[in-house]
Amino acid sequence: MQKDKVESILGFAIKAGKVIFGADSIERYHKKKHLIIMCKTLATNTREKLLRTNPGVPAIVSHGIAVEELTHKLNCKVIAVTDKQMAQAILTNKNGTYQVVTEVK
């Protein structure tokens, strides 16, 4: 099976140290975050809390491949990308398995 571009770009971002893993770490990180990637199995309360505490940061939900498979970290449901160029590349190359989420219900 061939990797999609989002998975490849995310691999580069992880190797470069430009990714924050986990909801608690994302909340504690006070520098600029450029993209939040959430798993479809992430709890609704956690999803709403992340969207509320990070206004203006684009967020996408992965419906195809789980975030823990993208990151190769067990039980990882959400990550944040801190590099602007890598976040833009992920947003422009996302396919139908990723859904953009911006508002809290």
PDB file of N, CA and C in Angstrom:
ATOM      1  N   MET A   1       0.839  -1.186   0.000  1.00  0.00           N
ATOM      2  CA  MET A   1       0.000   0.000   0.000  1.00  0.00           C
ATOM      3  C   MET A   1       0.878   1.241   0.000  1.00  0.00           C
ATOM      4  N   GLN A   2       0.554   2.176  -0.840  1.00  0.00           N
ATOM      5  CA  GLN A   2       1.350   3.380  -0.978  1.00  0.00           C
ATOM      6  C   GLN A   2       0.910   4.431   0.044  1.00  0.00           C
ATOM      7  N   LYS A   3       1.899   5.129   0.624  1.00  0.00           N
ATOM      8  CA  LYS A   3       1.598   6.182   1.584  1.00  0.00           C
ATOM      9  C   LYS A   3       1.014   7.388   0.859  1.00  0.00           C
ATOM     10  N   ASP A   4       0.091   8.086   1.515  1.00  0.00           N
ATOM     11  CA  ASP A   4      -0.391   9.325   0.923  1.00  0.00           C
ATOM     12  C   ASP A   4       0.539  10.462   1.338  1.00  0.00           C
ATOM     13  N   LYS A   5       0.376  11.609   0.707  1.00  0.00           N
ATOM     14  CA  LYS A   5       1.281  12.737   0.942  1.00  0.00           C
ATOM     15  C   LYS A   5       1.204  13.261   2.368  1.00  0.00           C
ATOM     16  N   VAL A   6       0.017  13.246   2.954  1.00  0.00           N
ATOM     17  CA  VAL A   6      -0.132  13.740   4.326  1.00  0.00           C
ATOM     18  C   VAL A   6       0.714  12.896   5.269  1.00  0.00           C
ATOM     19  N   GLU A   7       0.681  11.594   5.085  1.00  0.00           N
ATOM     20  CA  GLU A   7       1.458  10.700   5.936  1.00  0.00           C
ATOM     21  C   GLU A   7       2.960  10.952   5.778  1.00  0.00           C
ATOM     22  N   SER A   8       3.409  11.196   4.551  1.00  0.00           N
ATOM     23  CA  SER A   8       4.822  11.476   4.312  1.00  0.00           C
ATOM     24  C   SER A   8       5.255  12.801   4.926  1.00  0.00           C
ATOM     25  N   ILE A   9       4.461  13.843   4.735  1.00  0.00           N
ATOM     26  CA  ILE A   9       4.785  15.159   5.295  1.00  0.00           C
ATOM     27  C   ILE A   9       4.781  15.099   6.813  1.00  0.00           C
ATOM     28  N   LEU A  10       3.831  14.377   7.369  1.00  0.00           N
ATOM     29  CA  LEU A  10       3.761  14.231   8.821  1.00  0.00           C
ATOM     30  C   LEU A  10       4.981  13.481   9.360  1.00  0.00           C
ATOM     31  N   GLY A  11       5.459  12.516   8.617  1.00  0.00           N
ATOM     32  CA  GLY A  11       6.682  11.815   9.003  1.00  0.00           C
ATOM     33  C   GLY A  11       7.874  12.743   9.055  1.00  0.00           C
ATOM     34  N   PHE A  12       7.987  13.639   8.067  1.00  0.00           N
ATOM     35  CA  PHE A  12       9.066  14.635   8.072  1.00  0.00           C
ATOM     36  C   PHE A  12       8.932  15.580   9.271  1.00  0.00           C
ATOM     37  N   ALA A  13       7.704  15.992   9.568  1.00  0.00           N
ATOM     38  CA  ALA A  13       7.478  16.908  10.692  1.00  0.00           C
ATOM     39  C   ALA A  13       7.841  16.245  12.023  1.00  0.00           C
ATOM     40  N   ILE A  14       7.526  14.979  12.172  1.00  0.00           N
ATOM     41  CA  ILE A  14       7.859  14.262  13.407  1.00  0.00           C
ATOM     42  C   ILE A  14       9.370  14.150  13.560  1.00  0.00           C
ATOM     43  N   LYS A  15      10.067  13.796  12.477  1.00  0.00           N
ATOM     44  CA  LYS A  15      11.526  13.687  12.532  1.00  0.00           C
ATOM     45  C   LYS A  15      12.179  15.026  12.831  1.00  0.00           C
ATOM     46  N   ALA A  16      11.571  16.112  12.365  1.00  0.00           N
ATOM     47  CA  ALA A  16      12.122  17.446  12.597  1.00  0.00           C
ATOM     48  C   ALA A  16      11.767  17.989  13.976  1.00  0.00           C
ATOM     49  N   GLY A  17      10.916  17.281  14.717  1.00  0.00           N
ATOM     50  CA  GLY A  17      10.529  17.735  16.051  1.00  0.00           C
ATOM     51  C   GLY A  17       9.513  18.861  16.030  1.00  0.00           C
ATOM     52  N   LYS A  18       8.691  18.916  14.999  1.00  0.00           N
ATOM     53  CA  LYS A  18       7.700  19.977  14.830  1.00  0.00           C
ATOM     54  C   LYS A  18       6.286  19.518  15.139  1.00  0.00           C
ATOM     55  N   VAL A  19       6.140  18.452  15.944  1.00  0.00           N
ATOM     56  CA  VAL A  19       4.829  17.897  16.262  1.00  0.00           C
ATOM     57  C   VAL A  19       4.701  17.751  17.774  1.00  0.00           C
ATOM     58  N   ILE A  20       3.523  18.105  18.292  1.00  0.00           N
ATOM     59  CA  ILE A  20       3.202  17.928  19.711  1.00  0.00           C
ATOM     60  C   ILE A  20       2.184  16.796  19.790  1.00  0.00           C
ATOM     61  N   PHE A  21       2.417  15.848  20.694  1.00  0.00           N
ATOM     62  CA  PHE A  21       1.574  14.660  20.815  1.00  0.00           C
ATOM     63  C   PHE A  21       0.679  14.761  22.039  1.00  0.00           C
ATOM     64  N   GLY A  22      -0.615  14.540  21.874  1.00  0.00           N
ATOM     65  CA  GLY A  22      -1.545  14.450  22.991  1.00  0.00           C
ATOM     66  C   GLY A  22      -2.235  15.753  23.328  1.00  0.00           C
ATOM     67  N   ALA A  23      -3.462  15.631  23.816  1.00  0.00           N
ATOM     68  CA  ALA A  23      -4.294  16.799  24.121  1.00  0.00           C
ATOM     69  C   ALA A  23      -3.714  17.629  25.266  1.00  0.00           C
ATOM     70  N   ASP A  24      -3.209  16.977  26.311  1.00  0.00           N
ATOM     71  CA  ASP A  24      -2.657  17.718  27.444  1.00  0.00           C
ATOM     72  C   ASP A  24      -1.413  18.508  27.041  1.00  0.00           C
ATOM     73  N   SER A  25      -0.566  17.903  26.232  1.00  0.00           N
ATOM     74  CA  SER A  25       0.642  18.596  25.774  1.00  0.00           C
ATOM     75  C   SER A  25       0.293  19.772  24.865  1.00  0.00           C
ATOM     76  N   ILE A  26      -0.734  19.609  24.049  1.00  0.00           N
ATOM     77  CA  ILE A  26      -1.161  20.699  23.163  1.00  0.00           C
ATOM     78  C   ILE A  26      -1.693  21.862  23.991  1.00  0.00           C
ATOM     79  N   GLU A  27      -2.434  21.574  25.043  1.00  0.00           N
ATOM     80  CA  GLU A  27      -2.969  22.634  25.897  1.00  0.00           C
ATOM     81  C   GLU A  27      -1.855  23.373  26.641  1.00  0.00           C
ATOM     82  N   ARG A  28      -0.819  22.651  27.060  1.00  0.00           N
ATOM     83  CA  ARG A  28       0.284  23.272  27.796  1.00  0.00           C
ATOM     84  C   ARG A  28       1.240  24.044  26.906  1.00  0.00           C
ATOM     85  N   TYR A  29       1.266  23.738  25.609  1.00  0.00           N
ATOM     86  CA  TYR A  29       2.186  24.385  24.671  1.00  0.00           C
ATOM     87  C   TYR A  29       1.643  25.768  24.342  1.00  0.00           C
ATOM     88  N   HIS A  30       2.380  26.807  24.694  1.00  0.00           N
ATOM     89  CA  HIS A  30       1.869  28.175  24.547  1.00  0.00           C
ATOM     90  C   HIS A  30       2.405  28.913  23.333  1.00  0.00           C
ATOM     91  N   LYS A  31       3.224  28.262  22.529  1.00  0.00           N
ATOM     92  CA  LYS A  31       3.701  28.893  21.298  1.00  0.00           C
ATOM     93  C   LYS A  31       2.696  28.635  20.183  1.00  0.00           C
ATOM     94  N   LYS A  32       2.975  29.148  19.004  1.00  0.00           N
ATOM     95  CA  LYS A  32       2.054  29.065  17.879  1.00  0.00           C
ATOM     96  C   LYS A  32       1.906  27.641  17.364  1.00  0.00           C
ATOM     97  N   LYS A  33       0.670  27.216  17.223  1.00  0.00           N
ATOM     98  CA  LYS A  33       0.331  25.944  16.595  1.00  0.00           C
ATOM     99  C   LYS A  33      -0.349  26.269  15.270  1.00  0.00           C
ATOM    100  N   HIS A  34       0.030  25.573  14.204  1.00  0.00           N
ATOM    101  CA  HIS A  34      -0.496  25.900  12.883  1.00  0.00           C
ATOM    102  C   HIS A  34      -1.536  24.908  12.365  1.00  0.00           C
ATOM    103  N   LEU A  35      -1.604  23.711  12.975  1.00  0.00           N
ATOM    104  CA  LEU A  35      -2.576  22.713  12.533  1.00  0.00           C
ATOM    105  C   LEU A  35      -2.770  21.692  13.643  1.00  0.00           C
ATOM    106  N   ILE A  36      -4.008  21.299  13.840  1.00  0.00           N
ATOM    107  CA  ILE A  36      -4.329  20.227  14.785  1.00  0.00           C
ATOM    108  C   ILE A  36      -4.963  19.090  13.996  1.00  0.00           C
ATOM    109  N   ILE A  37      -4.432  17.878  14.187  1.00  0.00           N
ATOM    110  CA  ILE A  37      -4.961  16.691  13.514  1.00  0.00           C
ATOM    111  C   ILE A  37      -5.532  15.774  14.587  1.00  0.00           C
ATOM    112  N   MET A  38      -6.821  15.475  14.472  1.00  0.00           N
ATOM    113  CA  MET A  38      -7.519  14.658  15.460  1.00  0.00           C
ATOM    114  C   MET A  38      -7.985  13.356  14.843  1.00  0.00           C
ATOM    115  N   CYS A  39      -8.036  12.326  15.668  1.00  0.00           N
ATOM    116  CA  CYS A  39      -8.571  11.029  15.251  1.00  0.00           C
ATOM    117  C   CYS A  39     -10.097  11.074  15.354  1.00  0.00           C
ATOM    118  N   LYS A  40     -10.764  10.291  14.545  1.00  0.00           N
ATOM    119  CA  LYS A  40     -12.227  10.275  14.598  1.00  0.00           C
ATOM    120  C   LYS A  40     -12.733   9.677  15.903  1.00  0.00           C
ATOM    121  N   THR A  41     -11.896   8.920  16.622  1.00  0.00           N
ATOM    122  CA  THR A  41     -12.296   8.302  17.885  1.00  0.00           C
ATOM    123  C   THR A  41     -11.995   9.181  19.099  1.00  0.00           C
ATOM    124  N   LEU A  42     -11.528  10.397  18.879  1.00  0.00           N
ATOM    125  CA  LEU A  42     -11.256  11.315  19.981  1.00  0.00           C
ATOM    126  C   LEU A  42     -12.577  11.699  20.650  1.00  0.00           C
ATOM    127  N   ALA A  43     -12.578  11.776  21.966  1.00  0.00           N
ATOM    128  CA  ALA A  43     -13.792  12.117  22.709  1.00  0.00           C
ATOM    129  C   ALA A  43     -14.314  13.491  22.302  1.00  0.00           C
ATOM    130  N   THR A  44     -15.618  13.628  22.251  1.00  0.00           N
ATOM    131  CA  THR A  44     -16.245  14.881  21.829  1.00  0.00           C
ATOM    132  C   THR A  44     -15.873  16.028  22.750  1.00  0.00           C
ATOM    133  N   ASN A  45     -15.844  15.796  24.057  1.00  0.00           N
ATOM    134  CA  ASN A  45     -15.479  16.863  24.992  1.00  0.00           C
ATOM    135  C   ASN A  45     -14.048  17.343  24.772  1.00  0.00           C
ATOM    136  N   THR A  46     -13.136  16.423  24.518  1.00  0.00           N
ATOM    137  CA  THR A  46     -11.744  16.794  24.265  1.00  0.00           C
ATOM    138  C   THR A  46     -11.634  17.574  22.964  1.00  0.00           C
ATOM    139  N   ARG A  47     -12.356  17.138  21.943  1.00  0.00           N
ATOM    140  CA  ARG A  47     -12.344  17.832  20.649  1.00  0.00           C
ATOM    141  C   ARG A  47     -12.853  19.269  20.808  1.00  0.00           C
ATOM    142  N   GLU A  48     -13.965  19.435  21.509  1.00  0.00           N
ATOM    143  CA  GLU A  48     -14.520  20.775  21.707  1.00  0.00           C
ATOM    144  C   GLU A  48     -13.598  21.644  22.546  1.00  0.00           C
ATOM    145  N   LYS A  49     -12.961  21.066  23.558  1.00  0.00           N
ATOM    146  CA  LYS A  49     -12.035  21.822  24.397  1.00  0.00           C
ATOM    147  C   LYS A  49     -10.827  22.298  23.588  1.00  0.00           C
ATOM    148  N   LEU A  50     -10.287  21.441  22.729  1.00  0.00           N
ATOM    149  CA  LEU A  50      -9.146  21.839  21.895  1.00  0.00           C
ATOM    150  C   LEU A  50      -9.529  22.939  20.913  1.00  0.00           C
ATOM    151  N   LEU A  51     -10.722  22.825  20.330  1.00  0.00           N
ATOM    152  CA  LEU A  51     -11.162  23.857  19.385  1.00  0.00           C
ATOM    153  C   LEU A  51     -11.427  25.186  20.095  1.00  0.00           C
ATOM    154  N   ARG A  52     -11.928  25.114  21.310  1.00  0.00           N
ATOM    155  CA  ARG A  52     -12.234  26.322  22.069  1.00  0.00           C
ATOM    156  C   ARG A  52     -10.956  27.016  22.566  1.00  0.00           C
ATOM    157  N   THR A  53      -9.962  26.237  22.987  1.00  0.00           N
ATOM    158  CA  THR A  53      -8.741  26.829  23.528  1.00  0.00           C
ATOM    159  C   THR A  53      -7.738  27.228  22.460  1.00  0.00           C
ATOM    160  N   ASN A  54      -7.973  26.834  21.211  1.00  0.00           N
ATOM    161  CA  ASN A  54      -7.075  27.181  20.104  1.00  0.00           C
ATOM    162  C   ASN A  54      -7.856  27.830  18.967  1.00  0.00           C
ATOM    163  N   PRO A  55      -8.427  29.006  19.203  1.00  0.00           N
ATOM    164  CA  PRO A  55      -9.213  29.643  18.134  1.00  0.00           C
ATOM    165  C   PRO A  55      -8.306  30.100  16.994  1.00  0.00           C
ATOM    166  N   GLY A  56      -8.797  29.939  15.790  1.00  0.00           N
ATOM    167  CA  GLY A  56      -8.042  30.369  14.620  1.00  0.00           C
ATOM    168  C   GLY A  56      -7.057  29.329  14.104  1.00  0.00           C
ATOM    169  N   VAL A  57      -6.864  28.244  14.832  1.00  0.00           N
ATOM    170  CA  VAL A  57      -5.973  27.178  14.382  1.00  0.00           C
ATOM    171  C   VAL A  57      -6.803  26.174  13.595  1.00  0.00           C
ATOM    172  N   PRO A  58      -6.443  25.913  12.325  1.00  0.00           N
ATOM    173  CA  PRO A  58      -7.228  24.940  11.574  1.00  0.00           C
ATOM    174  C   PRO A  58      -7.088  23.546  12.179  1.00  0.00           C
ATOM    175  N   ALA A  59      -8.163  22.801  12.161  1.00  0.00           N
ATOM    176  CA  ALA A  59      -8.181  21.446  12.706  1.00  0.00           C
ATOM    177  C   ALA A  59      -8.807  20.514  11.679  1.00  0.00           C
ATOM    178  N   ILE A  60      -8.211  19.336  11.527  1.00  0.00           N
ATOM    179  CA  ILE A  60      -8.768  18.334  10.632  1.00  0.00           C
ATOM    180  C   ILE A  60      -8.951  17.028  11.405  1.00  0.00           C
ATOM    181  N   VAL A  61      -9.957  16.269  10.986  1.00  0.00           N
ATOM    182  CA  VAL A  61     -10.244  14.970  11.588  1.00  0.00           C
ATOM    183  C   VAL A  61      -9.906  13.907  10.561  1.00  0.00           C
ATOM    184  N   SER A  62      -9.116  12.932  10.972  1.00  0.00           N
ATOM    185  CA  SER A  62      -8.727  11.830  10.106  1.00  0.00           C
ATOM    186  C   SER A  62      -9.780  10.736  10.190  1.00  0.00           C
ATOM    187  N   HIS A  63     -10.429  10.446   9.064  1.00  0.00           N
ATOM    188  CA  HIS A  63     -11.445   9.397   9.034  1.00  0.00           C
ATOM    189  C   HIS A  63     -10.907   8.097   8.451  1.00  0.00           C
ATOM    190  N   GLY A  64      -9.814   8.161   7.727  1.00  0.00           N
ATOM    191  CA  GLY A  64      -9.281   6.959   7.097  1.00  0.00           C
ATOM    192  C   GLY A  64      -8.321   6.208   7.998  1.00  0.00           C
ATOM    193  N   ILE A  65      -7.158   6.755   8.201  1.00  0.00           N
ATOM    194  CA  ILE A  65      -6.125   6.106   9.004  1.00  0.00           C
ATOM    195  C   ILE A  65      -6.095   6.755  10.381  1.00  0.00           C
ATOM    196  N   ALA A  66      -5.938   5.960  11.411  1.00  0.00           N
ATOM    197  CA  ALA A  66      -5.924   6.484  12.780  1.00  0.00           C
ATOM    198  C   ALA A  66      -4.647   7.296  13.017  1.00  0.00           C
ATOM    199  N   VAL A  67      -4.741   8.292  13.886  1.00  0.00           N
ATOM    200  CA  VAL A  67      -3.601   9.151  14.188  1.00  0.00           C
ATOM    201  C   VAL A  67      -2.481   8.342  14.829  1.00  0.00           C
ATOM    202  N   GLU A  68      -2.824   7.353  15.625  1.00  0.00           N
ATOM    203  CA  GLU A  68      -1.766   6.548  16.244  1.00  0.00           C
ATOM    204  C   GLU A  68      -1.011   5.730  15.207  1.00  0.00           C
ATOM    205  N   GLU A  69      -1.642   5.403  14.089  1.00  0.00           N
ATOM    206  CA  GLU A  69      -0.935   4.733  13.000  1.00  0.00           C
ATOM    207  C   GLU A  69      -0.079   5.716  12.213  1.00  0.00           C
ATOM    208  N   LEU A  70      -0.541   6.959  12.087  1.00  0.00           N
ATOM    209  CA  LEU A  70       0.260   7.984  11.412  1.00  0.00           C
ATOM    210  C   LEU A  70       1.529   8.310  12.192  1.00  0.00           C
ATOM    211  N   THR A  71       1.411   8.347  13.515  1.00  0.00           N
ATOM    212  CA  THR A  71       2.528   8.763  14.359  1.00  0.00           C
ATOM    213  C   THR A  71       3.337   7.599  14.904  1.00  0.00           C
ATOM    214  N   HIS A  72       2.801   6.385  14.815  1.00  0.00           N
ATOM    215  CA  HIS A  72       3.431   5.186  15.382  1.00  0.00           C
ATOM    216  C   HIS A  72       3.610   5.308  16.890  1.00  0.00           C
ATOM    217  N   LYS A  73       2.663   5.981  17.553  1.00  0.00           N
ATOM    218  CA  LYS A  73       2.646   6.106  19.012  1.00  0.00           C
ATOM    219  C   LYS A  73       1.335   5.523  19.515  1.00  0.00           C
ATOM    220  N   LEU A  74       1.430   4.611  20.461  1.00  0.00           N
ATOM    221  CA  LEU A  74       0.269   3.910  20.979  1.00  0.00           C
ATOM    222  C   LEU A  74      -0.678   4.869  21.696  1.00  0.00           C
ATOM    223  N   ASN A  75      -1.962   4.787  21.421  1.00  0.00           N
ATOM    224  CA  ASN A  75      -3.037   5.576  22.031  1.00  0.00           C
ATOM    225  C   ASN A  75      -2.918   7.076  21.792  1.00  0.00           C
ATOM    226  N   CYS A  76      -2.247   7.501  20.752  1.00  0.00           N
ATOM    227  CA  CYS A  76      -2.168   8.924  20.413  1.00  0.00           C
ATOM    228  C   CYS A  76      -3.382   9.276  19.552  1.00  0.00           C
ATOM    229  N   LYS A  77      -4.226  10.184  20.045  1.00  0.00           N
ATOM    230  CA  LYS A  77      -5.467  10.523  19.349  1.00  0.00           C
ATOM    231  C   LYS A  77      -5.432  11.907  18.695  1.00  0.00           C
ATOM    232  N   VAL A  78      -4.498  12.764  19.125  1.00  0.00           N
ATOM    233  CA  VAL A  78      -4.455  14.119  18.586  1.00  0.00           C
ATOM    234  C   VAL A  78      -3.010  14.611  18.573  1.00  0.00           C
ATOM    235  N   ILE A  79      -2.690  15.364  17.510  1.00  0.00           N
ATOM    236  CA  ILE A  79      -1.363  15.975  17.400  1.00  0.00           C
ATOM    237  C   ILE A  79      -1.516  17.397  16.890  1.00  0.00           C
ATOM    238  N   ALA A  80      -0.492  18.200  17.122  1.00  0.00           N
ATOM    239  CA  ALA A  80      -0.465  19.565  16.602  1.00  0.00           C
ATOM    240  C   ALA A  80       0.852  19.775  15.867  1.00  0.00           C
ATOM    241  N   VAL A  81       0.792  20.432  14.718  1.00  0.00           N
ATOM    242  CA  VAL A  81       1.976  20.738  13.923  1.00  0.00           C
ATOM    243  C   VAL A  81       2.363  22.177  14.214  1.00  0.00           C
ATOM    244  N   THR A  82       3.646  22.404  14.545  1.00  0.00           N
ATOM    245  CA  THR A  82       4.102  23.740  14.916  1.00  0.00           C
ATOM    246  C   THR A  82       4.842  24.443  13.789  1.00  0.00           C
ATOM    247  N   ASP A  83       5.079  23.776  12.685  1.00  0.00           N
ATOM    248  CA  ASP A  83       5.777  24.386  11.551  1.00  0.00           C
ATOM    249  C   ASP A  83       4.755  24.856  10.515  1.00  0.00           C
ATOM    250  N   LYS A  84       4.848  26.116  10.134  1.00  0.00           N
ATOM    251  CA  LYS A  84       3.848  26.710   9.245  1.00  0.00           C
ATOM    252  C   LYS A  84       3.862  26.080   7.849  1.00  0.00           C
ATOM    253  N   GLN A  85       5.043  25.878   7.270  1.00  0.00           N
ATOM    254  CA  GLN A  85       5.116  25.324   5.919  1.00  0.00           C
ATOM    255  C   GLN A  85       4.615  23.882   5.866  1.00  0.00           C
ATOM    256  N   MET A  86       4.958  23.093   6.877  1.00  0.00           N
ATOM    257  CA  MET A  86       4.484  21.706   6.888  1.00  0.00           C
ATOM    258  C   MET A  86       2.974  21.639   7.096  1.00  0.00           C
ATOM    259  N   ALA A  87       2.439  22.523   7.932  1.00  0.00           N
ATOM    260  CA  ALA A  87       0.990  22.564   8.143  1.00  0.00           C
ATOM    261  C   ALA A  87       0.271  22.959   6.853  1.00  0.00           C
ATOM    262  N   GLN A  88       0.802  23.944   6.134  1.00  0.00           N
ATOM    263  CA  GLN A  88       0.191  24.344   4.864  1.00  0.00           C
ATOM    264  C   GLN A  88       0.262  23.220   3.839  1.00  0.00           C
ATOM    265  N   ALA A  89       1.386  22.495   3.816  1.00  0.00           N
ATOM    266  CA  ALA A  89       1.519  21.382   2.877  1.00  0.00           C
ATOM    267  C   ALA A  89       0.514  20.276   3.193  1.00  0.00           C
ATOM    268  N   ILE A  90       0.293  20.008   4.470  1.00  0.00           N
ATOM    269  CA  ILE A  90      -0.698  18.991   4.853  1.00  0.00           C
ATOM    270  C   ILE A  90      -2.094  19.437   4.444  1.00  0.00           C
ATOM    271  N   LEU A  91      -2.415  20.704   4.663  1.00  0.00           N
ATOM    272  CA  LEU A  91      -3.750  21.208   4.306  1.00  0.00           C
ATOM    273  C   LEU A  91      -3.992  21.186   2.803  1.00  0.00           C
ATOM    274  N   THR A  92      -2.972  21.493   2.006  1.00  0.00           N
ATOM    275  CA  THR A  92      -3.162  21.521   0.561  1.00  0.00           C
ATOM    276  C   THR A  92      -3.179  20.117  -0.041  1.00  0.00           C
ATOM    277  N   ASN A  93      -2.541  19.150   0.598  1.00  0.00           N
ATOM    278  CA  ASN A  93      -2.471  17.799   0.050  1.00  0.00           C
ATOM    279  C   ASN A  93      -3.433  16.816   0.697  1.00  0.00           C
ATOM    280  N   LYS A  94      -4.303  17.281   1.587  1.00  0.00           N
ATOM    281  CA  LYS A  94      -5.242  16.355   2.223  1.00  0.00           C
ATOM    282  C   LYS A  94      -6.245  15.861   1.184  1.00  0.00           C
ATOM    283  N   ASN A  95      -6.656  14.629   1.369  1.00  0.00           N
ATOM    284  CA  ASN A  95      -7.622  14.055   0.426  1.00  0.00           C
ATOM    285  C   ASN A  95      -8.960  13.881   1.125  1.00  0.00           C
ATOM    286  N   GLY A  96      -9.813  13.057   0.598  1.00  0.00           N
ATOM    287  CA  GLY A  96     -11.164  12.907   1.128  1.00  0.00           C
ATOM    288  C   GLY A  96     -11.253  12.227   2.484  1.00  0.00           C
ATOM    289  N   THR A  97     -10.151  11.655   2.977  1.00  0.00           N
ATOM    290  CA  THR A  97     -10.203  10.982   4.265  1.00  0.00           C
ATOM    291  C   THR A  97     -10.027  11.953   5.431  1.00  0.00           C
ATOM    292  N   TYR A  98      -9.783  13.208   5.141  1.00  0.00           N
ATOM    293  CA  TYR A  98      -9.611  14.224   6.193  1.00  0.00           C
ATOM    294  C   TYR A  98     -10.708  15.258   6.066  1.00  0.00           C
ATOM    295  N   GLN A  99     -11.324  15.626   7.177  1.00  0.00           N
ATOM    296  CA  GLN A  99     -12.404  16.593   7.184  1.00  0.00           C
ATOM    297  C   GLN A  99     -11.977  17.793   8.032  1.00  0.00           C
ATOM    298  N   VAL A 100     -12.147  19.005   7.503  1.00  0.00           N
ATOM    299  CA  VAL A 100     -11.793  20.221   8.213  1.00  0.00           C
ATOM    300  C   VAL A 100     -12.888  20.525   9.231  1.00  0.00           C
ATOM    301  N   VAL A 101     -12.473  20.768  10.484  1.00  0.00           N
ATOM    302  CA  VAL A 101     -13.409  21.083  11.574  1.00  0.00           C
ATOM    303  C   VAL A 101     -12.944  22.407  12.164  1.00  0.00           C
ATOM    304  N   THR A 102     -13.854  23.381  12.232  1.00  0.00           N
ATOM    305  CA  THR A 102     -13.450  24.674  12.765  1.00  0.00           C
ATOM    306  C   THR A 102     -14.337  25.183  13.888  1.00  0.00           C
ATOM    307  N   GLU A 103     -15.568  24.748  13.952  1.00  0.00           N
ATOM    308  CA  GLU A 103     -16.477  25.305  14.950  1.00  0.00           C
ATOM    309  C   GLU A 103     -16.824  24.282  16.016  1.00  0.00           C
ATOM    310  N   VAL A 104     -17.161  24.779  17.183  1.00  0.00           N
ATOM    311  CA  VAL A 104     -17.585  23.941  18.291  1.00  0.00           C
ATOM    312  C   VAL A 104     -19.092  23.822  18.229  1.00  0.00           C
ATOM    313  N   LYS A 105     -19.626  22.629  18.403  1.00  0.00           N
ATOM    314  CA  LYS A 105     -21.078  22.426  18.344  1.00  0.00           C
ATOM    315  C   LYS A 105     -21.720  22.812  19.649  1.00  0.00           C
TER     316      LYS A 105
END
